[in-house]
Structure formats: C-alpha cells, structure tokens
C-alpha atoms as a PDB file:
ATOM      1  CA  UNK A   1       0.033   0.030  -0.011  1.00  0.00           C
ATOM      2  CA  UNK A   2       2.798   2.406   0.888  1.00  0.00           C
ATOM      3  CA  UNK A   3       4.235   1.777  -2.574  1.00  0.00           C
ATOM      4  CA  UNK A   4       0.997   2.961  -4.229  1.00  0.00           C
ATOM      5  CA  UNK A   5       0.742   6.047  -2.049  1.00  0.00           C
ATOM      6  CA  UNK A   6       4.339   7.018  -2.646  1.00  0.00           C
ATOM      7  CA  UNK A   7       3.879   6.587  -6.432  1.00  0.00           C
ATOM      8  CA  UNK A   8       0.848   8.957  -6.282  1.00  0.00           C
ATOM      9  CA  UNK A   9       2.809  11.273  -3.970  1.00  0.00           C
ATOM     10  CA  UNK A  10       0.115  11.116  -1.257  1.00  0.00           C
ATOM     11  CA  UNK A  11       1.474  12.101   2.114  1.00  0.00           C
ATOM     12  CA  UNK A  12      -0.955  10.148   4.113  1.00  0.00           C
ATOM     13  CA  UNK A  13      -1.973  10.545   7.732  1.00  0.00           C
ATOM     14  CA  UNK A  14      -3.615   7.179   8.323  1.00  0.00           C
ATOM     15  CA  UNK A  15      -2.539   4.331   6.090  1.00  0.00           C
ATOM     16  CA  UNK A  16      -5.152   2.013   7.542  1.00  0.00           C
ATOM     17  CA  UNK A  17      -7.949   3.872   5.840  1.00  0.00           C
ATOM     18  CA  UNK A  18      -6.319   3.198   2.385  1.00  0.00           C
ATOM     19  CA  UNK A  19      -5.861  -0.538   3.320  1.00  0.00           C
ATOM     20  CA  UNK A  20      -9.581  -0.676   4.177  1.00  0.00           C
ATOM     21  CA  UNK A  21     -10.370   1.037   0.803  1.00  0.00           C
ATOM     22  CA  UNK A  22      -8.788  -1.966  -1.032  1.00  0.00           C
ATOM     23  CA  UNK A  23     -10.206  -4.645   1.144  1.00  0.00           C
ATOM     24  CA  UNK A  24     -12.829  -6.602  -0.765  1.00  0.00           C
ATOM     25  CA  UNK A  25     -15.663  -8.102   1.229  1.00  0.00           C
ATOM     26  CA  UNK A  26     -14.374 -11.640   0.584  1.00  0.00           C
ATOM     27  CA  UNK A  27     -11.157 -10.844   2.372  1.00  0.00           C
ATOM     28  CA  UNK A  28     -12.974  -8.999   5.046  1.00  0.00           C
ATOM     29  CA  UNK A  29     -15.212 -11.981   5.786  1.00  0.00           C
ATOM     30  CA  UNK A  30     -12.348 -14.437   6.068  1.00  0.00           C
ATOM     31  CA  UNK A  31     -10.273 -12.146   8.248  1.00  0.00           C
ATOM     32  CA  UNK A  32     -12.951 -10.518  10.358  1.00  0.00           C
ATOM     33  CA  UNK A  33     -12.060  -6.951   9.249  1.00  0.00           C
ATOM     34  CA  UNK A  34     -13.940  -4.078   7.701  1.00  0.00           C
ATOM     35  CA  UNK A  35     -14.583  -4.025   3.992  1.00  0.00           C
ATOM     36  CA  UNK A  36     -14.512  -1.184   1.564  1.00  0.00           C
ATOM     37  CA  UNK A  37     -18.218  -0.873   0.793  1.00  0.00           C
ATOM     38  CA  UNK A  38     -18.839   2.239   2.768  1.00  0.00           C
ATOM     39  CA  UNK A  39     -15.783   3.955   1.434  1.00  0.00           C
ATOM     40  CA  UNK A  40     -17.003   3.002  -2.044  1.00  0.00           C
ATOM     41  CA  UNK A  41     -20.237   4.776  -1.286  1.00  0.00           C
ATOM     42  CA  UNK A  42     -18.386   7.917  -0.243  1.00  0.00           C
ATOM     43  CA  UNK A  43     -16.034   7.790  -3.223  1.00  0.00           C
ATOM     44  CA  UNK A  44     -18.842   7.529  -5.603  1.00  0.00           C
ATOM     45  CA  UNK A  45     -20.300  10.876  -4.429  1.00  0.00           C
ATOM     46  CA  UNK A  46     -16.848  12.582  -4.267  1.00  0.00           C
ATOM     47  CA  UNK A  47     -16.007  11.546  -7.791  1.00  0.00           C
ATOM     48  CA  UNK A  48     -19.520  12.575  -8.967  1.00  0.00           C
ATOM     49  CA  UNK A  49     -19.038  16.039  -7.575  1.00  0.00           C
ATOM     50  CA  UNK A  50     -15.557  16.525  -8.924  1.00  0.00           C
ATOM     51  CA  UNK A  51     -16.618  15.435 -12.331  1.00  0.00           C
ATOM     52  CA  UNK A  52     -19.738  17.575 -12.311  1.00  0.00           C
ATOM     53  CA  UNK A  53     -17.737  20.609 -11.278  1.00  0.00           C
ATOM     54  CA  UNK A  54     -15.165  19.938 -14.056  1.00  0.00           C
ATOM     55  CA  UNK A  55     -17.717  19.424 -16.829  1.00  0.00           C
ATOM     56  CA  UNK A  56     -19.603  22.577 -15.718  1.00  0.00           C
ATOM     57  CA  UNK A  57     -16.474  24.717 -15.829  1.00  0.00           C
ATOM     58  CA  UNK A  58     -14.897  23.154 -18.886  1.00  0.00           C
ATOM     59  CA  UNK A  59     -17.906  22.898 -21.314  1.00  0.00           C
ATOM     60  CA  UNK A  60     -20.538  25.411 -22.217  1.00  0.00           C
ATOM     61  CA  UNK A  61     -23.267  22.813 -22.740  1.00  0.00           C
ATOM     62  CA  UNK A  62     -26.774  22.186 -21.494  1.00  0.00           C
ATOM     63  CA  UNK A  63     -27.649  19.963 -18.605  1.00  0.00           C
ATOM     64  CA  UNK A  64     -28.770  17.099 -20.773  1.00  0.00           C
ATOM     65  CA  UNK A  65     -25.443  16.857 -22.583  1.00  0.00           C
ATOM     66  CA  UNK A  66     -23.457  17.227 -19.219  1.00  0.00           C
ATOM     67  CA  UNK A  67     -25.469  14.375 -17.650  1.00  0.00           C
ATOM     68  CA  UNK A  68     -24.561  12.074 -20.595  1.00  0.00           C
ATOM     69  CA  UNK A  69     -20.868  13.080 -20.485  1.00  0.00           C
ATOM     70  CA  UNK A  70     -20.812  12.577 -16.633  1.00  0.00           C
ATOM     71  CA  UNK A  71     -22.563   9.145 -16.968  1.00  0.00           C
ATOM     72  CA  UNK A  72     -19.757   7.953 -19.251  1.00  0.00           C
ATOM     73  CA  UNK A  73     -17.028   9.583 -17.274  1.00  0.00           C
ATOM     74  CA  UNK A  74     -17.934   7.877 -14.037  1.00  0.00           C
ATOM     75  CA  UNK A  75     -19.324   4.585 -15.419  1.00  0.00           C
ATOM     76  CA  UNK A  76     -17.811   1.236 -14.324  1.00  0.00           C
ATOM     77  CA  UNK A  77     -15.956   1.043 -17.620  1.00  0.00           C
ATOM     78  CA  UNK A  78     -14.398   4.430 -17.020  1.00  0.00           C
ATOM     79  CA  UNK A  79     -13.417   3.620 -13.443  1.00  0.00           C
ATOM     80  CA  UNK A  80     -11.797   0.475 -14.668  1.00  0.00           C
ATOM     81  CA  UNK A  81      -9.586   2.627 -17.075  1.00  0.00           C
ATOM     82  CA  UNK A  82      -8.577   5.013 -14.348  1.00  0.00           C
ATOM     83  CA  UNK A  83      -7.792   2.184 -11.940  1.00  0.00           C
ATOM     84  CA  UNK A  84      -5.657   0.311 -14.514  1.00  0.00           C
ATOM     85  CA  UNK A  85      -3.554   3.418 -15.181  1.00  0.00           C
ATOM     86  CA  UNK A  86      -2.384   3.278 -11.474  1.00  0.00           C
ATOM     87  CA  UNK A  87      -2.217  -0.512 -11.385  1.00  0.00           C
ATOM     88  CA  UNK A  88      -4.781  -0.585  -8.542  1.00  0.00           C
ATOM     89  CA  UNK A  89      -5.508  -4.329  -8.906  1.00  0.00           C
ATOM     90  CA  UNK A  90      -2.069  -5.077  -7.640  1.00  0.00           C
ATOM     91  CA  UNK A  91      -2.998  -3.767  -4.166  1.00  0.00           C
ATOM     92  CA  UNK A  92      -6.573  -5.181  -3.677  1.00  0.00           C
ATOM     93  CA  UNK A  93      -6.965  -7.633  -0.837  1.00  0.00           C
ATOM     94  CA  UNK A  94      -9.189 -10.621  -1.843  1.00  0.00           C
ATOM     95  CA  UNK A  95     -10.417 -13.706  -0.116  1.00  0.00           C
ATOM     96  CA  UNK A  96      -8.903 -17.013  -1.138  1.00  0.00           C
ATOM     97  CA  UNK A  97     -11.611 -17.934  -3.748  1.00  0.00           C
ATOM     98  CA  UNK A  98     -11.598 -14.445  -5.362  1.00  0.00           C
ATOM     99  CA  UNK A  99      -7.701 -14.303  -5.238  1.00  0.00           C
ATOM    100  CA  UNK A 100      -7.572 -17.586  -7.287  1.00  0.00           C
ATOM    101  CA  UNK A 101      -9.811 -16.001 -10.006  1.00  0.00           C
ATOM    102  CA  UNK A 102      -8.216 -12.521  -9.749  1.00  0.00           C
ATOM    103  CA  UNK A 103     -10.074  -9.303  -9.343  1.00  0.00           C
ATOM    104  CA  UNK A 104     -12.774  -8.732 -12.103  1.00  0.00           C
ATOM    105  CA  UNK A 105     -13.706  -5.403 -13.475  1.00  0.00           C
ATOM    106  CA  UNK A 106     -16.485  -4.680 -11.003  1.00  0.00           C
ATOM    107  CA  UNK A 107     -14.037  -5.299  -8.025  1.00  0.00           C
ATOM    108  CA  UNK A 108     -11.476  -3.076  -9.546  1.00  0.00           C
ATOM    109  CA  UNK A 109     -13.880  -0.316 -10.372  1.00  0.00           C
ATOM    110  CA  UNK A 110     -15.491  -0.338  -6.894  1.00  0.00           C
ATOM    111  CA  UNK A 111     -12.126  -0.397  -5.225  1.00  0.00           C
ATOM    112  CA  UNK A 112     -11.085   2.824  -7.189  1.00  0.00           C
ATOM    113  CA  UNK A 113     -14.161   4.638  -5.835  1.00  0.00           C
ATOM    114  CA  UNK A 114     -13.336   3.366  -2.320  1.00  0.00           C
ATOM    115  CA  UNK A 115      -9.679   4.492  -2.793  1.00  0.00           C
ATOM    116  CA  UNK A 116     -10.994   8.063  -3.682  1.00  0.00           C
ATOM    117  CA  UNK A 117     -13.156   8.004  -0.609  1.00  0.00           C
ATOM    118  CA  UNK A 118     -10.170   7.151   1.536  1.00  0.00           C
ATOM    119  CA  UNK A 119      -8.114  10.050   0.084  1.00  0.00           C
ATOM    120  CA  UNK A 120     -10.990  12.444   0.727  1.00  0.00           C
ATOM    121  CA  UNK A 121     -11.407  11.238   4.360  1.00  0.00           C
ATOM    122  CA  UNK A 122      -7.612  11.336   5.082  1.00  0.00           C
ATOM    123  CA  UNK A 123      -6.429  14.352   3.125  1.00  0.00           C
ATOM    124  CA  UNK A 124      -9.492  16.485   2.285  1.00  0.00           C
ATOM    125  CA  UNK A 125     -10.958  17.801  -0.926  1.00  0.00           C
ATOM    126  CA  UNK A 126      -7.956  19.594  -2.204  1.00  0.00           C
ATOM    127  CA  UNK A 127      -5.715  16.557  -2.227  1.00  0.00           C
ATOM    128  CA  UNK A 128      -8.523  14.583  -3.739  1.00  0.00           C
ATOM    129  CA  UNK A 129      -9.005  17.145  -6.469  1.00  0.00           C
ATOM    130  CA  UNK A 130      -5.289  17.089  -7.205  1.00  0.00           C
ATOM    131  CA  UNK A 131      -5.405  13.225  -7.597  1.00  0.00           C
ATOM    132  CA  UNK A 132      -8.475  13.726  -9.757  1.00  0.00           C
ATOM    133  CA  UNK A 133      -6.623  16.240 -12.087  1.00  0.00           C
ATOM    134  CA  UNK A 134      -3.472  14.110 -12.319  1.00  0.00           C
ATOM    135  CA  UNK A 135      -5.020  10.501 -12.525  1.00  0.00           C
ATOM    136  CA  UNK A 136      -8.503  10.901 -14.056  1.00  0.00           C
ATOM    137  CA  UNK A 137      -8.654  13.925 -16.237  1.00  0.00           C
ATOM    138  CA  UNK A 138      -5.752  12.810 -18.515  1.00  0.00           C
ATOM    139  CA  UNK A 139      -7.898   9.852 -19.483  1.00  0.00           C
ATOM    140  CA  UNK A 140     -11.266  11.633 -19.812  1.00  0.00           C
ATOM    141  CA  UNK A 141     -11.201  11.775 -23.550  1.00  0.00           C
ATOM    142  CA  UNK A 142     -10.619   8.061 -23.569  1.00  0.00           C
ATOM    143  CA  UNK A 143     -13.626   7.408 -21.428  1.00  0.00           C
ATOM    144  CA  UNK A 144     -15.872   9.815 -23.180  1.00  0.00           C
ATOM    145  CA  UNK A 145     -15.186   7.948 -26.484  1.00  0.00           C
ATOM    146  CA  UNK A 146     -16.271   4.627 -25.084  1.00  0.00           C
ATOM    147  CA  UNK A 147     -19.011   3.057 -27.200  1.00  0.00           C
ATOM    148  CA  UNK A 148     -21.781   0.973 -25.835  1.00  0.00           C
ATOM    149  CA  UNK A 149     -22.134  -1.402 -28.758  1.00  0.00           C
ATOM    150  CA  UNK A 150     -24.749  -3.492 -26.952  1.00  0.00           C
ATOM    151  CA  UNK A 151     -27.113  -0.450 -26.623  1.00  0.00           C
ATOM    152  CA  UNK A 152     -26.411   0.529 -30.287  1.00  0.00           C
ATOM    153  CA  UNK A 153     -27.226  -3.025 -31.489  1.00  0.00           C
ATOM    154  CA  UNK A 154     -30.360  -3.132 -29.430  1.00  0.00           C
ATOM    155  CA  UNK A 155     -31.501   0.164 -30.951  1.00  0.00           C
ATOM    156  CA  UNK A 156     -30.753  -1.078 -34.479  1.00  0.00           C
ATOM    157  CA  UNK A 157     -32.622  -4.302 -34.032  1.00  0.00           C
ATOM    158  CA  UNK A 158     -35.658  -2.761 -32.339  1.00  0.00           C
ATOM    159  CA  UNK A 159     -35.916  -0.253 -35.247  1.00  0.00           C
ATOM    160  CA  UNK A 160     -36.890  -3.294 -37.374  1.00  0.00           C
ATOM    161  CA  UNK A 161     -39.640  -4.357 -35.030  1.00  0.00           C
ATOM    162  CA  UNK A 162     -39.999  -6.135 -31.683  1.00  0.00           C
ATOM    163  CA  UNK A 163     -37.225  -8.706 -31.904  1.00  0.00           C
ATOM    164  CA  UNK A 164     -35.010 -10.073 -29.048  1.00  0.00           C
ATOM    165  CA  UNK A 165     -31.295 -10.373 -28.899  1.00  0.00           C
ATOM    166  CA  UNK A 166     -29.457 -12.453 -26.276  1.00  0.00           C
ATOM    167  CA  UNK A 167     -25.903 -13.202 -25.416  1.00  0.00           C
ATOM    168  CA  UNK A 168     -24.335 -16.549 -24.439  1.00  0.00           C
ATOM    169  CA  UNK A 169     -20.892 -17.481 -23.208  1.00  0.00           C
ATOM    170  CA  UNK A 170     -19.431 -20.106 -25.567  1.00  0.00           C
ATOM    171  CA  UNK A 171     -16.361 -20.820 -23.634  1.00  0.00           C
ATOM    172  CA  UNK A 172     -13.927 -19.646 -20.955  1.00  0.00           C
ATOM    173  CA  UNK A 173     -10.176 -20.344 -21.399  1.00  0.00           C
ATOM    174  CA  UNK A 174      -6.744 -19.294 -20.153  1.00  0.00           C
ATOM    175  CA  UNK A 175      -5.203 -19.236 -16.660  1.00  0.00           C
ATOM    176  CA  UNK A 176      -7.301 -17.934 -13.703  1.00  0.00           C
ATOM    177  CA  UNK A 177      -5.337 -14.686 -13.498  1.00  0.00           C
ATOM    178  CA  UNK A 178      -5.752 -14.071 -17.239  1.00  0.00           C
ATOM    179  CA  UNK A 179      -9.005 -15.687 -18.222  1.00  0.00           C
ATOM    180  CA  UNK A 180     -10.640 -15.074 -21.534  1.00  0.00           C
ATOM    181  CA  UNK A 181     -14.252 -15.277 -22.642  1.00  0.00           C
ATOM    182  CA  UNK A 182     -15.912 -15.934 -26.044  1.00  0.00           C
ATOM    183  CA  UNK A 183     -19.499 -14.706 -26.319  1.00  0.00           C
ATOM    184  CA  UNK A 184     -22.014 -15.223 -29.041  1.00  0.00           C
ATOM    185  CA  UNK A 185     -24.957 -12.934 -29.755  1.00  0.00           C
ATOM    186  CA  UNK A 186     -28.152 -14.162 -31.312  1.00  0.00           C
ATOM    187  CA  UNK A 187     -31.324 -12.808 -32.745  1.00  0.00           C
ATOM    188  CA  UNK A 188     -34.688 -14.422 -31.900  1.00  0.00           C
ATOM    189  CA  UNK A 189     -32.774 -17.359 -30.363  1.00  0.00           C
ATOM    190  CA  UNK A 190     -31.677 -18.906 -33.716  1.00  0.00           C
ATOM    191  CA  UNK A 191     -29.969 -16.240 -35.873  1.00  0.00           C
ATOM    192  CA  UNK A 192     -26.303 -15.824 -34.963  1.00  0.00           C
ATOM    193  CA  UNK A 193     -25.358 -12.161 -35.327  1.00  0.00           C
ATOM    194  CA  UNK A 194     -21.778 -12.154 -34.071  1.00  0.00           C
ATOM    195  CA  UNK A 195     -19.039 -13.298 -31.701  1.00  0.00           C
ATOM    196  CA  UNK A 196     -16.547 -11.546 -29.475  1.00  0.00           C
ATOM    197  CA  UNK A 197     -13.602 -12.237 -27.222  1.00  0.00           C
ATOM    198  CA  UNK A 198     -12.697 -10.358 -24.062  1.00  0.00           C
ATOM    199  CA  UNK A 199     -10.954 -10.481 -20.715  1.00  0.00           C
ATOM    200  CA  UNK A 200     -14.388 -10.335 -18.986  1.00  0.00           C
ATOM    201  CA  UNK A 201     -17.855 -11.364 -20.031  1.00  0.00           C
ATOM    202  CA  UNK A 202     -18.827  -7.702 -20.226  1.00  0.00           C
ATOM    203  CA  UNK A 203     -16.018  -6.876 -22.736  1.00  0.00           C
ATOM    204  CA  UNK A 204     -16.772 -10.093 -24.777  1.00  0.00           C
ATOM    205  CA  UNK A 205     -20.414  -9.079 -25.031  1.00  0.00           C
ATOM    206  CA  UNK A 206     -19.425  -5.637 -26.256  1.00  0.00           C
ATOM    207  CA  UNK A 207     -17.176  -7.129 -28.875  1.00  0.00           C
ATOM    208  CA  UNK A 208     -19.833  -9.593 -30.015  1.00  0.00           C
ATOM    209  CA  UNK A 209     -22.247  -6.636 -30.413  1.00  0.00           C
ATOM    210  CA  UNK A 210     -19.607  -4.687 -32.326  1.00  0.00           C
ATOM    211  CA  UNK A 211     -19.152  -7.671 -34.694  1.00  0.00           C
ATOM    212  CA  UNK A 212     -22.866  -8.015 -35.145  1.00  0.00           C
ATOM    213  CA  UNK A 213     -23.410  -4.277 -36.040  1.00  0.00           C
ATOM    214  CA  UNK A 214     -20.850  -4.688 -38.865  1.00  0.00           C
ATOM    215  CA  UNK A 215     -23.126  -7.581 -40.369  1.00  0.00           C
ATOM    216  CA  UNK A 216     -26.516  -6.017 -39.920  1.00  0.00           C
ATOM    217  CA  UNK A 217     -27.857  -4.009 -42.843  1.00  0.00           C
ATOM    218  CA  UNK A 218     -30.171  -1.041 -42.013  1.00  0.00           C
ATOM    219  CA  UNK A 219     -32.536   0.224 -44.595  1.00  0.00           C
ATOM    220  CA  UNK A 220     -35.754   2.204 -44.176  1.00  0.00           C
ATOM    221  CA  UNK A 221     -35.862   1.236 -40.510  1.00  0.00           C
ATOM    222  CA  UNK A 222     -35.921  -2.445 -41.289  1.00  0.00           C
ATOM    223  CA  UNK A 223     -33.186  -4.859 -40.248  1.00  0.00           C
ATOM    224  CA  UNK A 224     -32.322  -7.157 -43.109  1.00  0.00           C
ATOM    225  CA  UNK A 225     -30.418 -10.295 -42.205  1.00  0.00           C
END
C-alpha cells in the first residue's frame, strides 16, 4: 500500500484507511475486518461532485449533454480505465476464492471509488482534487469515447420491429489470472449475429455486439439479415 501512495505522492496521515479501501468483502469476511463498501459509497459521491464541477467549468453545454458526459466519465468502464492506469488491482486484498480468480472489472472499479473516498477522508477535498486532475482527467477523452455497442445493436434491432437479442458465453479459457471469454450474440434465439472475445464477459459481449453491427444492414428502418 505504501508503494502505491508513494507513487501517487500522497503524504498520508492514516494508512489504515487506504488499506480498508482496498479490502474486498471476501477478504474482510475471512479475516474479520471491515470491507471497503462504505468507502465505495463515499467515493462515488466525491467523484460525481468533482466530475460535475469539471464538466460545468470546462464545457458550455446544456444539462442534458453534461449528464450524458458525466454518466460515461464515471461509469464502471471508465473507473476500470482510471484504476488500470495506476495498477490498482495489484493492491486489492481478496479472499482465497476471489484471489484464485483474480479481481474482475467490478471489483477493480468499486475499489477505485473506495480509494478516492479514503483520500478524501484522510487528506480532504484539495488533495482529492489534485489526484483527480493528475490521474483521471488525462484519460477523460478516452472514457468519453467509449462506445456502448450493446445499446447500439439493441436500438438497431428494435428499429426493425420487436425482436429479441441474447448473449451466451461459448467458452472460457486461459489461466485464472488471465481468463478469456468468448461470447455469441443471437437474434430471436436462432440467428447468430456475431461473436466476440474479451478478458471479461462484459467486454466479450461488447465485442460480440460490435461484430454484429458490422453484419446488420439497415434500410428504411428495417433490419435485413
């Protein structure tokens, strides 16, 4: 933990609060200590405030557009990006079962929020804002460009009538610390639209939807397959 704090140049007062921030519930249960869920709740609000302030001051746009930008900038996918840039997963404490699998995207994203909550409690808003500027804002463009291919495919399919799409994991492979998933997306349970690979089910589903979009023709609001 000290390694991470030193890397981020945080002159901490209480290192225990940061350790708690990166304590997953599985580890807490096995070791009878507090988990990071309350800090995650706090960090979510802190990040939401800082992002709202930044978007308000930086962009002269209406409330609706700001809301959409904010939603992307603080989404779980965005949090995962921010967390990876500081290699947060290296410091997350997991229970035995979770440790064997390795932290998934949700655990990493939630831990990042908890970590921000810990910084706020330990060092106050100015230090938290400084971390926000140095470790979140440089990657804001990347997060705002994230595309939700699943939603786009859903909109495209529904434009052609009330038809259903579903995703199915075809296989999981690779070592536990670097597992890969292959997902298939189907239309009306029998028409294969696309396939995708990813390091998580979520990523594989997005890639399957992306693959499907490239194969779907759209003409006069009718989907032709």
